[in-house]
């Protein structure tokens, strides 16, 4: 995704992340690495699996993966706002 010309509204953001999460849940390739996911969500992995096992586990939640992709501007989805010309 190219950096948008303007900031997305909360509704656009939710739509983009939701659509990408659905794609991920259906088996689409990821645009972030496992290491990036592990670094972002290490605290949750430690809580779930403990300190030793957290380094080997990966994040499987499509919403978290899509959110990280959105934050890094890696999602190939954008909205086309219809501007009203006066």
PDB file of N, CA and C in Angstrom:
ATOM      1  N   UNK A   1       0.854  -1.165   0.000  1.00  0.00           N
ATOM      2  CA  UNK A   1       0.000   0.000   0.000  1.00  0.00           C
ATOM      3  C   UNK A   1       0.899   1.225   0.000  1.00  0.00           C
ATOM      4  N   UNK A   2       0.583   2.116  -0.853  1.00  0.00           N
ATOM      5  CA  UNK A   2       1.282   3.389  -0.875  1.00  0.00           C
ATOM      6  C   UNK A   2       0.706   4.238   0.245  1.00  0.00           C
ATOM      7  N   UNK A   3       1.550   5.053   0.821  1.00  0.00           N
ATOM      8  CA  UNK A   3       1.056   5.914   1.891  1.00  0.00           C
ATOM      9  C   UNK A   3      -0.110   6.744   1.358  1.00  0.00           C
ATOM     10  N   UNK A   4      -1.235   6.750   2.055  1.00  0.00           N
ATOM     11  CA  UNK A   4      -2.425   7.443   1.554  1.00  0.00           C
ATOM     12  C   UNK A   4      -2.212   8.952   1.462  1.00  0.00           C
ATOM     13  N   UNK A   5      -2.947   9.577   0.541  1.00  0.00           N
ATOM     14  CA  UNK A   5      -2.841  11.022   0.355  1.00  0.00           C
ATOM     15  C   UNK A   5      -3.349  11.774   1.578  1.00  0.00           C
ATOM     16  N   UNK A   6      -4.292  11.184   2.261  1.00  0.00           N
ATOM     17  CA  UNK A   6      -4.812  11.775   3.491  1.00  0.00           C
ATOM     18  C   UNK A   6      -4.973  10.642   4.501  1.00  0.00           C
ATOM     19  N   UNK A   7      -5.096  11.005   5.754  1.00  0.00           N
ATOM     20  CA  UNK A   7      -5.279   9.985   6.788  1.00  0.00           C
ATOM     21  C   UNK A   7      -6.630   9.302   6.597  1.00  0.00           C
ATOM     22  N   UNK A   8      -6.646   8.001   6.821  1.00  0.00           N
ATOM     23  CA  UNK A   8      -7.903   7.270   6.727  1.00  0.00           C
ATOM     24  C   UNK A   8      -8.792   7.601   7.916  1.00  0.00           C
ATOM     25  N   UNK A   9     -10.088   7.565   7.686  1.00  0.00           N
ATOM     26  CA  UNK A   9     -11.011   7.697   8.804  1.00  0.00           C
ATOM     27  C   UNK A   9     -10.993   6.389   9.578  1.00  0.00           C
ATOM     28  N   UNK A  10     -11.563   6.379  10.743  1.00  0.00           N
ATOM     29  CA  UNK A  10     -11.594   5.142  11.530  1.00  0.00           C
ATOM     30  C   UNK A  10     -12.402   4.062  10.818  1.00  0.00           C
ATOM     31  N   UNK A  11     -13.379   4.467  10.031  1.00  0.00           N
ATOM     32  CA  UNK A  11     -14.203   3.506   9.301  1.00  0.00           C
ATOM     33  C   UNK A  11     -13.424   2.893   8.141  1.00  0.00           C
ATOM     34  N   UNK A  12     -12.656   3.713   7.451  1.00  0.00           N
ATOM     35  CA  UNK A  12     -11.822   3.205   6.364  1.00  0.00           C
ATOM     36  C   UNK A  12     -10.750   2.275   6.901  1.00  0.00           C
ATOM     37  N   UNK A  13     -10.148   2.661   8.009  1.00  0.00           N
ATOM     38  CA  UNK A  13      -9.121   1.834   8.631  1.00  0.00           C
ATOM     39  C   UNK A  13      -9.697   0.472   9.023  1.00  0.00           C
ATOM     40  N   UNK A  14     -10.864   0.480   9.639  1.00  0.00           N
ATOM     41  CA  UNK A  14     -11.506  -0.774  10.050  1.00  0.00           C
ATOM     42  C   UNK A  14     -11.827  -1.644   8.838  1.00  0.00           C
ATOM     43  N   UNK A  15     -12.288  -1.038   7.766  1.00  0.00           N
ATOM     44  CA  UNK A  15     -12.629  -1.780   6.556  1.00  0.00           C
ATOM     45  C   UNK A  15     -11.390  -2.397   5.914  1.00  0.00           C
ATOM     46  N   UNK A  16     -10.308  -1.647   5.847  1.00  0.00           N
ATOM     47  CA  UNK A  16      -9.070  -2.142   5.247  1.00  0.00           C
ATOM     48  C   UNK A  16      -8.496  -3.286   6.073  1.00  0.00           C
ATOM     49  N   UNK A  17      -8.415  -3.093   7.390  1.00  0.00           N
ATOM     50  CA  UNK A  17      -7.851  -4.135   8.256  1.00  0.00           C
ATOM     51  C   UNK A  17      -8.739  -5.375   8.241  1.00  0.00           C
ATOM     52  N   UNK A  18     -10.057  -5.189   8.275  1.00  0.00           N
ATOM     53  CA  UNK A  18     -10.973  -6.325   8.249  1.00  0.00           C
ATOM     54  C   UNK A  18     -10.882  -7.116   6.953  1.00  0.00           C
ATOM     55  N   UNK A  19     -10.790  -6.413   5.832  1.00  0.00           N
ATOM     56  CA  UNK A  19     -10.676  -7.094   4.540  1.00  0.00           C
ATOM     57  C   UNK A  19      -9.362  -7.856   4.452  1.00  0.00           C
ATOM     58  N   UNK A  20      -8.286  -7.247   4.935  1.00  0.00           N
ATOM     59  CA  UNK A  20      -6.980  -7.920   4.891  1.00  0.00           C
ATOM     60  C   UNK A  20      -6.959  -9.117   5.845  1.00  0.00           C
ATOM     61  N   UNK A  21      -7.570  -8.991   7.014  1.00  0.00           N
ATOM     62  CA  UNK A  21      -7.626 -10.110   7.961  1.00  0.00           C
ATOM     63  C   UNK A  21      -8.382 -11.288   7.345  1.00  0.00           C
ATOM     64  N   UNK A  22      -9.439 -11.008   6.615  1.00  0.00           N
ATOM     65  CA  UNK A  22     -10.174 -12.074   5.936  1.00  0.00           C
ATOM     66  C   UNK A  22      -9.286 -12.755   4.904  1.00  0.00           C
ATOM     67  N   UNK A  23      -8.533 -11.981   4.140  1.00  0.00           N
ATOM     68  CA  UNK A  23      -7.612 -12.560   3.162  1.00  0.00           C
ATOM     69  C   UNK A  23      -6.592 -13.461   3.848  1.00  0.00           C
ATOM     70  N   UNK A  24      -6.030 -12.988   4.958  1.00  0.00           N
ATOM     71  CA  UNK A  24      -5.024 -13.763   5.691  1.00  0.00           C
ATOM     72  C   UNK A  24      -5.627 -15.056   6.216  1.00  0.00           C
ATOM     73  N   UNK A  25      -6.843 -14.981   6.743  1.00  0.00           N
ATOM     74  CA  UNK A  25      -7.490 -16.179   7.286  1.00  0.00           C
ATOM     75  C   UNK A  25      -7.791 -17.205   6.190  1.00  0.00           C
ATOM     76  N   UNK A  26      -7.890 -16.731   4.937  1.00  0.00           N
ATOM     77  CA  UNK A  26      -8.153 -17.632   3.816  1.00  0.00           C
ATOM     78  C   UNK A  26      -6.855 -18.135   3.177  1.00  0.00           C
ATOM     79  N   UNK A  27      -5.694 -17.754   3.747  1.00  0.00           N
ATOM     80  CA  UNK A  27      -4.425 -18.295   3.276  1.00  0.00           C
ATOM     81  C   UNK A  27      -3.592 -17.376   2.410  1.00  0.00           C
ATOM     82  N   UNK A  28      -3.908 -16.095   2.362  1.00  0.00           N
ATOM     83  CA  UNK A  28      -3.123 -15.160   1.557  1.00  0.00           C
ATOM     84  C   UNK A  28      -1.715 -15.018   2.140  1.00  0.00           C
ATOM     85  N   UNK A  29      -0.728 -14.741   1.287  1.00  0.00           N
ATOM     86  CA  UNK A  29       0.632 -14.552   1.804  1.00  0.00           C
ATOM     87  C   UNK A  29       0.721 -13.304   2.678  1.00  0.00           C
ATOM     88  N   UNK A  30       1.631 -13.339   3.638  1.00  0.00           N
ATOM     89  CA  UNK A  30       1.807 -12.222   4.564  1.00  0.00           C
ATOM     90  C   UNK A  30       2.819 -11.237   4.013  1.00  0.00           C
ATOM     91  N   UNK A  31       2.659  -9.970   4.385  1.00  0.00           N
ATOM     92  CA  UNK A  31       3.588  -8.930   3.976  1.00  0.00           C
ATOM     93  C   UNK A  31       4.493  -8.493   5.119  1.00  0.00           C
ATOM     94  N   UNK A  32       4.425  -9.182   6.241  1.00  0.00           N
ATOM     95  CA  UNK A  32       5.338  -8.966   7.355  1.00  0.00           C
ATOM     96  C   UNK A  32       5.977 -10.298   7.693  1.00  0.00           C
ATOM     97  N   UNK A  33       7.142 -10.252   8.291  1.00  0.00           N
ATOM     98  CA  UNK A  33       7.845 -11.485   8.640  1.00  0.00           C
ATOM     99  C   UNK A  33       7.410 -11.981  10.014  1.00  0.00           C
ATOM    100  N   UNK A  34       7.724 -13.229  10.274  1.00  0.00           N
ATOM    101  CA  UNK A  34       7.423 -13.797  11.596  1.00  0.00           C
ATOM    102  C   UNK A  34       8.190 -13.051  12.685  1.00  0.00           C
ATOM    103  N   UNK A  35       9.408 -12.626  12.374  1.00  0.00           N
ATOM    104  CA  UNK A  35      10.203 -11.892  13.362  1.00  0.00           C
ATOM    105  C   UNK A  35       9.588 -10.543  13.707  1.00  0.00           C
ATOM    106  N   UNK A  36       9.035  -9.853  12.701  1.00  0.00           N
ATOM    107  CA  UNK A  36       8.368  -8.579  12.971  1.00  0.00           C
ATOM    108  C   UNK A  36       7.150  -8.789  13.857  1.00  0.00           C
ATOM    109  N   UNK A  37       6.393  -9.843  13.586  1.00  0.00           N
ATOM    110  CA  UNK A  37       5.223 -10.156  14.409  1.00  0.00           C
ATOM    111  C   UNK A  37       5.635 -10.522  15.826  1.00  0.00           C
ATOM    112  N   UNK A  38       6.658 -11.332  15.938  1.00  0.00           N
ATOM    113  CA  UNK A  38       7.121 -11.761  17.255  1.00  0.00           C
ATOM    114  C   UNK A  38       7.615 -10.561  18.058  1.00  0.00           C
ATOM    115  N   UNK A  39       8.344  -9.640  17.410  1.00  0.00           N
ATOM    116  CA  UNK A  39       8.843  -8.455  18.119  1.00  0.00           C
ATOM    117  C   UNK A  39       7.695  -7.571  18.593  1.00  0.00           C
ATOM    118  N   UNK A  40       6.687  -7.405  17.763  1.00  0.00           N
ATOM    119  CA  UNK A  40       5.548  -6.538  18.105  1.00  0.00           C
ATOM    120  C   UNK A  40       4.716  -7.120  19.251  1.00  0.00           C
ATOM    121  N   UNK A  41       4.496  -8.434  19.229  1.00  0.00           N
ATOM    122  CA  UNK A  41       3.586  -9.063  20.188  1.00  0.00           C
ATOM    123  C   UNK A  41       4.307  -9.986  21.172  1.00  0.00           C
ATOM    124  N   UNK A  42       5.561  -9.685  21.483  1.00  0.00           N
ATOM    125  CA  UNK A  42       6.345 -10.551  22.372  1.00  0.00           C
ATOM    126  C   UNK A  42       5.735 -10.645  23.767  1.00  0.00           C
ATOM    127  N   UNK A  43       5.163  -9.563  24.249  1.00  0.00           N
ATOM    128  CA  UNK A  43       4.581  -9.598  25.602  1.00  0.00           C
ATOM    129  C   UNK A  43       3.424 -10.588  25.685  1.00  0.00           C
ATOM    130  N   UNK A  44       2.584 -10.609  24.658  1.00  0.00           N
ATOM    131  CA  UNK A  44       1.464 -11.553  24.645  1.00  0.00           C
ATOM    132  C   UNK A  44       1.952 -12.991  24.495  1.00  0.00           C
ATOM    133  N   UNK A  45       2.982 -13.192  23.682  1.00  0.00           N
ATOM    134  CA  UNK A  45       3.519 -14.535  23.510  1.00  0.00           C
ATOM    135  C   UNK A  45       4.130 -15.049  24.808  1.00  0.00           C
ATOM    136  N   UNK A  46       4.798 -14.165  25.548  1.00  0.00           N
ATOM    137  CA  UNK A  46       5.373 -14.560  26.834  1.00  0.00           C
ATOM    138  C   UNK A  46       4.269 -14.931  27.813  1.00  0.00           C
ATOM    139  N   UNK A  47       3.185 -14.164  27.826  1.00  0.00           N
ATOM    140  CA  UNK A  47       2.071 -14.481  28.724  1.00  0.00           C
ATOM    141  C   UNK A  47       1.440 -15.825  28.382  1.00  0.00           C
ATOM    142  N   UNK A  48       1.339 -16.123  27.100  1.00  0.00           N
ATOM    143  CA  UNK A  48       0.696 -17.370  26.679  1.00  0.00           C
ATOM    144  C   UNK A  48       1.586 -18.589  26.846  1.00  0.00           C
ATOM    145  N   UNK A  49       2.865 -18.451  26.476  1.00  0.00           N
ATOM    146  CA  UNK A  49       3.723 -19.631  26.379  1.00  0.00           C
ATOM    147  C   UNK A  49       4.911 -19.642  27.323  1.00  0.00           C
ATOM    148  N   UNK A  50       5.194 -18.544  27.997  1.00  0.00           N
ATOM    149  CA  UNK A  50       6.359 -18.472  28.856  1.00  0.00           C
ATOM    150  C   UNK A  50       7.543 -17.885  28.101  1.00  0.00           C
ATOM    151  N   UNK A  51       8.559 -17.494  28.835  1.00  0.00           N
ATOM    152  CA  UNK A  51       9.702 -16.801  28.248  1.00  0.00           C
ATOM    153  C   UNK A  51      10.459 -17.678  27.258  1.00  0.00           C
ATOM    154  N   UNK A  52      10.696 -18.919  27.609  1.00  0.00           N
ATOM    155  CA  UNK A  52      11.498 -19.788  26.746  1.00  0.00           C
ATOM    156  C   UNK A  52      10.786 -20.128  25.442  1.00  0.00           C
ATOM    157  N   UNK A  53       9.520 -20.472  25.513  1.00  0.00           N
ATOM    158  CA  UNK A  53       8.783 -20.887  24.315  1.00  0.00           C
ATOM    159  C   UNK A  53       8.334 -19.718  23.449  1.00  0.00           C
ATOM    160  N   UNK A  54       8.280 -18.507  23.998  1.00  0.00           N
ATOM    161  CA  UNK A  54       7.800 -17.348  23.238  1.00  0.00           C
ATOM    162  C   UNK A  54       8.696 -17.041  22.048  1.00  0.00           C
ATOM    163  N   UNK A  55       9.968 -17.376  22.132  1.00  0.00           N
ATOM    164  CA  UNK A  55      10.906 -17.094  21.040  1.00  0.00           C
ATOM    165  C   UNK A  55      10.695 -18.012  19.841  1.00  0.00           C
ATOM    166  N   UNK A  56       9.984 -19.106  20.052  1.00  0.00           N
ATOM    167  CA  UNK A  56       9.754 -20.073  18.975  1.00  0.00           C
ATOM    168  C   UNK A  56       8.344 -20.004  18.411  1.00  0.00           C
ATOM    169  N   UNK A  57       7.428 -19.405  19.130  1.00  0.00           N
ATOM    170  CA  UNK A  57       6.027 -19.345  18.695  1.00  0.00           C
ATOM    171  C   UNK A  57       5.810 -18.187  17.727  1.00  0.00           C
ATOM    172  N   UNK A  58       4.729 -18.272  16.973  1.00  0.00           N
ATOM    173  CA  UNK A  58       4.373 -17.203  16.037  1.00  0.00           C
ATOM    174  C   UNK A  58       2.964 -16.710  16.334  1.00  0.00           C
ATOM    175  N   UNK A  59       2.674 -15.517  15.859  1.00  0.00           N
ATOM    176  CA  UNK A  59       1.353 -14.920  16.020  1.00  0.00           C
ATOM    177  C   UNK A  59       0.449 -15.487  14.935  1.00  0.00           C
ATOM    178  N   UNK A  60      -0.707 -16.018  15.320  1.00  0.00           N
ATOM    179  CA  UNK A  60      -1.621 -16.628  14.359  1.00  0.00           C
ATOM    180  C   UNK A  60      -2.899 -15.833  14.149  1.00  0.00           C
ATOM    181  N   UNK A  61      -3.125 -14.799  14.933  1.00  0.00           N
ATOM    182  CA  UNK A  61      -4.362 -14.023  14.851  1.00  0.00           C
ATOM    183  C   UNK A  61      -4.349 -13.134  13.605  1.00  0.00           C
ATOM    184  N   UNK A  62      -5.249 -13.374  12.647  1.00  0.00           N
ATOM    185  CA  UNK A  62      -5.255 -12.578  11.414  1.00  0.00           C
ATOM    186  C   UNK A  62      -5.469 -11.081  11.649  1.00  0.00           C
ATOM    187  N   UNK A  63      -6.242 -10.722  12.678  1.00  0.00           N
ATOM    188  CA  UNK A  63      -6.465  -9.293  12.960  1.00  0.00           C
ATOM    189  C   UNK A  63      -5.170  -8.612  13.408  1.00  0.00           C
ATOM    190  N   UNK A  64      -4.385  -9.288  14.216  1.00  0.00           N
ATOM    191  CA  UNK A  64      -3.121  -8.704  14.670  1.00  0.00           C
ATOM    192  C   UNK A  64      -2.131  -8.586  13.517  1.00  0.00           C
ATOM    193  N   UNK A  65      -2.113  -9.587  12.668  1.00  0.00           N
ATOM    194  CA  UNK A  65      -1.223  -9.555  11.514  1.00  0.00           C
ATOM    195  C   UNK A  65      -1.630  -8.411  10.586  1.00  0.00           C
ATOM    196  N   UNK A  66      -2.917  -8.289  10.309  1.00  0.00           N
ATOM    197  CA  UNK A  66      -3.409  -7.227   9.424  1.00  0.00           C
ATOM    198  C   UNK A  66      -3.162  -5.847  10.032  1.00  0.00           C
ATOM    199  N   UNK A  67      -3.308  -5.721  11.338  1.00  0.00           N
ATOM    200  CA  UNK A  67      -3.061  -4.444  11.998  1.00  0.00           C
ATOM    201  C   UNK A  67      -1.599  -4.037  11.864  1.00  0.00           C
ATOM    202  N   UNK A  68      -0.694  -4.981  12.041  1.00  0.00           N
ATOM    203  CA  UNK A  68       0.728  -4.673  11.893  1.00  0.00           C
ATOM    204  C   UNK A  68       1.045  -4.305  10.445  1.00  0.00           C
ATOM    205  N   UNK A  69       0.458  -5.012   9.501  1.00  0.00           N
ATOM    206  CA  UNK A  69       0.662  -4.666   8.098  1.00  0.00           C
ATOM    207  C   UNK A  69       0.146  -3.257   7.807  1.00  0.00           C
ATOM    208  N   UNK A  70      -0.992  -2.914   8.376  1.00  0.00           N
ATOM    209  CA  UNK A  70      -1.555  -1.567   8.185  1.00  0.00           C
ATOM    210  C   UNK A  70      -0.627  -0.510   8.771  1.00  0.00           C
ATOM    211  N   UNK A  71      -0.130  -0.747   9.969  1.00  0.00           N
ATOM    212  CA  UNK A  71       0.754   0.217  10.627  1.00  0.00           C
ATOM    213  C   UNK A  71       2.034   0.436   9.828  1.00  0.00           C
ATOM    214  N   UNK A  72       2.486  -0.591   9.122  1.00  0.00           N
ATOM    215  CA  UNK A  72       3.711  -0.488   8.336  1.00  0.00           C
ATOM    216  C   UNK A  72       3.444  -0.125   6.878  1.00  0.00           C
ATOM    217  N   UNK A  73       2.210   0.206   6.546  1.00  0.00           N
ATOM    218  CA  UNK A  73       1.806   0.569   5.182  1.00  0.00           C
ATOM    219  C   UNK A  73       2.178  -0.507   4.159  1.00  0.00           C
ATOM    220  N   UNK A  74       1.919  -1.761   4.501  1.00  0.00           N
ATOM    221  CA  UNK A  74       2.249  -2.863   3.604  1.00  0.00           C
ATOM    222  C   UNK A  74       1.025  -3.540   2.996  1.00  0.00           C
ATOM    223  N   UNK A  75      -0.157  -3.063   3.324  1.00  0.00           N
ATOM    224  CA  UNK A  75      -1.372  -3.679   2.792  1.00  0.00           C
ATOM    225  C   UNK A  75      -1.634  -3.115   1.396  1.00  0.00           C
ATOM    226  N   UNK A  76      -1.828  -3.977   0.400  1.00  0.00           N
ATOM    227  CA  UNK A  76      -2.080  -3.494  -0.958  1.00  0.00           C
ATOM    228  C   UNK A  76      -3.546  -3.141  -1.198  1.00  0.00           C
ATOM    229  N   UNK A  77      -4.177  -2.541  -0.223  1.00  0.00           N
ATOM    230  CA  UNK A  77      -5.581  -2.135  -0.314  1.00  0.00           C
ATOM    231  C   UNK A  77      -5.664  -0.668   0.072  1.00  0.00           C
ATOM    232  N   UNK A  78      -6.422   0.102  -0.668  1.00  0.00           N
ATOM    233  CA  UNK A  78      -6.651   1.486  -0.297  1.00  0.00           C
ATOM    234  C   UNK A  78      -8.074   1.846  -0.692  1.00  0.00           C
ATOM    235  N   UNK A  79      -8.573   2.900  -0.132  1.00  0.00           N
ATOM    236  CA  UNK A  79      -9.922   3.349  -0.457  1.00  0.00           C
ATOM    237  C   UNK A  79      -9.826   4.464  -1.487  1.00  0.00           C
ATOM    238  N   UNK A  80     -10.854   4.568  -2.285  1.00  0.00           N
ATOM    239  CA  UNK A  80     -10.926   5.626  -3.291  1.00  0.00           C
ATOM    240  C   UNK A  80     -12.033   6.574  -2.866  1.00  0.00           C
ATOM    241  N   UNK A  81     -11.675   7.636  -2.138  1.00  0.00           N
ATOM    242  CA  UNK A  81     -12.722   8.543  -1.669  1.00  0.00           C
ATOM    243  C   UNK A  81     -13.329   9.305  -2.844  1.00  0.00           C
ATOM    244  N   UNK A  82     -14.609   9.456  -2.803  1.00  0.00           N
ATOM    245  CA  UNK A  82     -15.310  10.213  -3.822  1.00  0.00           C
ATOM    246  C   UNK A  82     -15.468  11.630  -3.326  1.00  0.00           C
ATOM    247  N   UNK A  83     -14.648  12.505  -3.865  1.00  0.00           N
ATOM    248  CA  UNK A  83     -14.709  13.893  -3.454  1.00  0.00           C
ATOM    249  C   UNK A  83     -15.822  14.599  -4.209  1.00  0.00           C
ATOM    250  N   UNK A  84     -16.549  15.396  -3.499  1.00  0.00           N
ATOM    251  CA  UNK A  84     -17.616  16.170  -4.122  1.00  0.00           C
ATOM    252  C   UNK A  84     -17.013  17.481  -4.616  1.00  0.00           C
ATOM    253  N   UNK A  85     -17.039  17.656  -5.912  1.00  0.00           N
ATOM    254  CA  UNK A  85     -16.496  18.889  -6.483  1.00  0.00           C
ATOM    255  C   UNK A  85     -17.565  19.957  -6.502  1.00  0.00           C
ATOM    256  N   UNK A  86     -17.165  21.150  -6.186  1.00  0.00           N
ATOM    257  CA  UNK A  86     -18.124  22.246  -6.147  1.00  0.00           C
ATOM    258  C   UNK A  86     -17.938  23.171  -7.318  1.00  0.00           C
TER     259      UNK A  86
END
